[in-house]
Amino acid sequence: MLRHILFQTKKPFPILHTSVLKKKIHWNSYDWKRFDYNKEFNTFILSATNCILVISICWGFEQYFQNIKLIQKLQTDRSEILYECLKRCKTRSQDSRFSKINDNE
């Protein structure tokens, strides 16, 4: 009896039923006659070129900053080596002066 009351009409859920029937599926509604392969190919090439450009610019910045770090490291190493050499030369010159004085006595 309850079933007979709920499903009196031919369409049990009229709102859902009409919305499903009226909805168009995208690939069925597309007009393939207006599809232009050349335009799609050009768009793809342009997008790929833009992507490669952005990636190469980012890579270039990364390489630039790595080179700057390397140059700074080499400069500090060179400064340390120069400091050590000057320090050794200074101690040697002082030692040699004292040795000459001692030799003369």
Protein backbone atom coordinates (compact mmCIF):
# COMPACT_ATOMS: atom_id res chain seq x y z
CA MET A 1 0.00 0.00 0.00
CA LEU A 2 2.80 2.41 0.93
CA ARG A 3 4.59 1.54 -2.22
CA HIS A 4 1.52 2.27 -4.27
CA ILE A 5 1.19 5.73 -2.63
CA LEU A 6 4.86 6.66 -3.15
CA PHE A 7 5.02 5.58 -6.78
CA GLN A 8 1.65 6.74 -8.07
CA THR A 9 3.15 8.75 -10.88
CA LYS A 10 5.12 7.27 -13.72
CA LYS A 11 8.17 9.34 -12.71
CA PRO A 12 9.01 8.51 -9.10
CA PHE A 13 11.49 11.37 -8.68
CA PRO A 14 10.48 14.02 -11.20
CA ILE A 15 13.11 16.62 -10.26
CA LEU A 16 16.04 14.23 -10.54
CA HIS A 17 14.61 12.63 -13.67
CA THR A 18 14.28 15.88 -15.62
CA SER A 19 17.68 17.23 -14.58
CA VAL A 20 19.45 14.08 -15.78
CA LEU A 21 17.65 14.11 -19.12
CA LYS A 22 18.33 17.78 -19.78
CA LYS A 23 22.01 17.64 -18.89
CA LYS A 24 24.35 17.47 -21.88
CA ILE A 25 27.60 15.64 -21.73
CA HIS A 26 30.55 17.75 -22.81
CA TRP A 27 32.06 15.48 -25.43
CA ASN A 28 28.71 14.92 -27.08
CA SER A 29 27.94 18.63 -27.27
CA TYR A 30 31.28 19.65 -28.81
CA ASP A 31 31.14 20.63 -32.45
CA TRP A 32 34.02 18.71 -34.04
CA LYS A 33 33.47 20.37 -37.40
CA ARG A 34 34.83 23.65 -36.00
CA PHE A 35 37.87 21.96 -34.46
CA ASP A 36 41.06 23.44 -35.90
CA TYR A 37 44.14 21.22 -35.61
CA ASN A 38 46.51 24.01 -36.64
CA LYS A 39 45.23 26.29 -33.90
CA GLU A 40 45.52 23.53 -31.30
CA PHE A 41 49.03 22.67 -32.49
CA ASN A 42 50.10 26.32 -32.36
CA THR A 43 48.67 26.68 -28.87
CA PHE A 44 50.52 23.58 -27.73
CA ILE A 45 53.82 24.79 -29.22
CA LEU A 46 53.38 28.21 -27.61
CA SER A 47 52.63 26.67 -24.21
CA ALA A 48 55.59 24.31 -24.43
CA THR A 49 57.89 27.16 -25.44
CA ASN A 50 56.71 29.28 -22.51
CA CYS A 51 57.27 26.39 -20.13
CA ILE A 52 60.80 25.79 -21.43
CA LEU A 53 61.55 29.51 -21.17
CA VAL A 54 60.46 29.74 -17.54
CA ILE A 55 62.38 26.60 -16.59
CA SER A 56 65.55 27.82 -18.32
CA ILE A 57 65.34 31.21 -16.59
CA CYS A 58 64.95 29.51 -13.20
CA TRP A 59 67.89 27.22 -13.99
CA GLY A 60 69.97 30.22 -15.03
CA PHE A 61 69.31 32.01 -11.73
CA GLU A 62 70.20 28.86 -9.82
CA GLN A 63 73.49 28.49 -11.70
CA TYR A 64 74.27 32.19 -11.21
CA PHE A 65 73.82 31.97 -7.43
CA GLN A 66 75.88 28.77 -7.27
CA ASN A 67 78.70 30.50 -9.15
CA ILE A 68 78.52 33.51 -6.82
CA LYS A 69 78.83 31.18 -3.80
CA LEU A 70 81.78 29.40 -5.42
CA ILE A 71 83.56 32.69 -6.16
CA GLN A 72 83.05 33.89 -2.58
CA LYS A 73 84.38 30.59 -1.23
CA LEU A 74 87.46 30.78 -3.46
CA GLN A 75 88.10 34.38 -2.41
CA THR A 76 87.96 33.50 1.28
CA ASP A 77 90.26 30.52 0.70
CA ARG A 78 92.69 32.72 -1.21
CA SER A 79 92.60 35.33 1.56
CA GLU A 80 93.33 32.67 4.18
CA ILE A 81 96.23 31.27 2.16
CA LEU A 82 97.66 34.76 1.62
CA TYR A 83 97.36 35.50 5.35
CA GLU A 84 99.15 32.26 6.23
CA CYS A 85 101.93 33.00 3.73
CA LEU A 86 102.45 36.52 5.06
CA LYS A 87 102.46 35.22 8.61
CA ARG A 88 105.11 32.61 7.75
CA CYS A 89 107.21 35.13 5.85
CA LYS A 90 107.09 37.51 8.80
CA THR A 91 108.17 34.82 11.27
CA ARG A 92 110.96 33.64 8.95
CA SER A 93 112.27 37.14 8.47
CA GLN A 94 112.31 37.68 12.23
CA ASP A 95 114.05 34.34 12.76
CA SER A 96 116.65 35.09 10.13
CA ARG A 97 117.37 38.50 11.67
CA PHE A 98 117.94 36.93 15.07
CA SER A 99 120.11 34.24 13.60
CA LYS A 100 122.33 36.86 11.90
CA ILE A 101 122.70 38.75 15.15
CA ASN A 102 123.61 35.57 16.97
CA ASP A 103 126.07 34.61 14.27
CA ASN A 104 127.83 37.94 14.44
CA GLU A 105 128.40 37.76 18.17
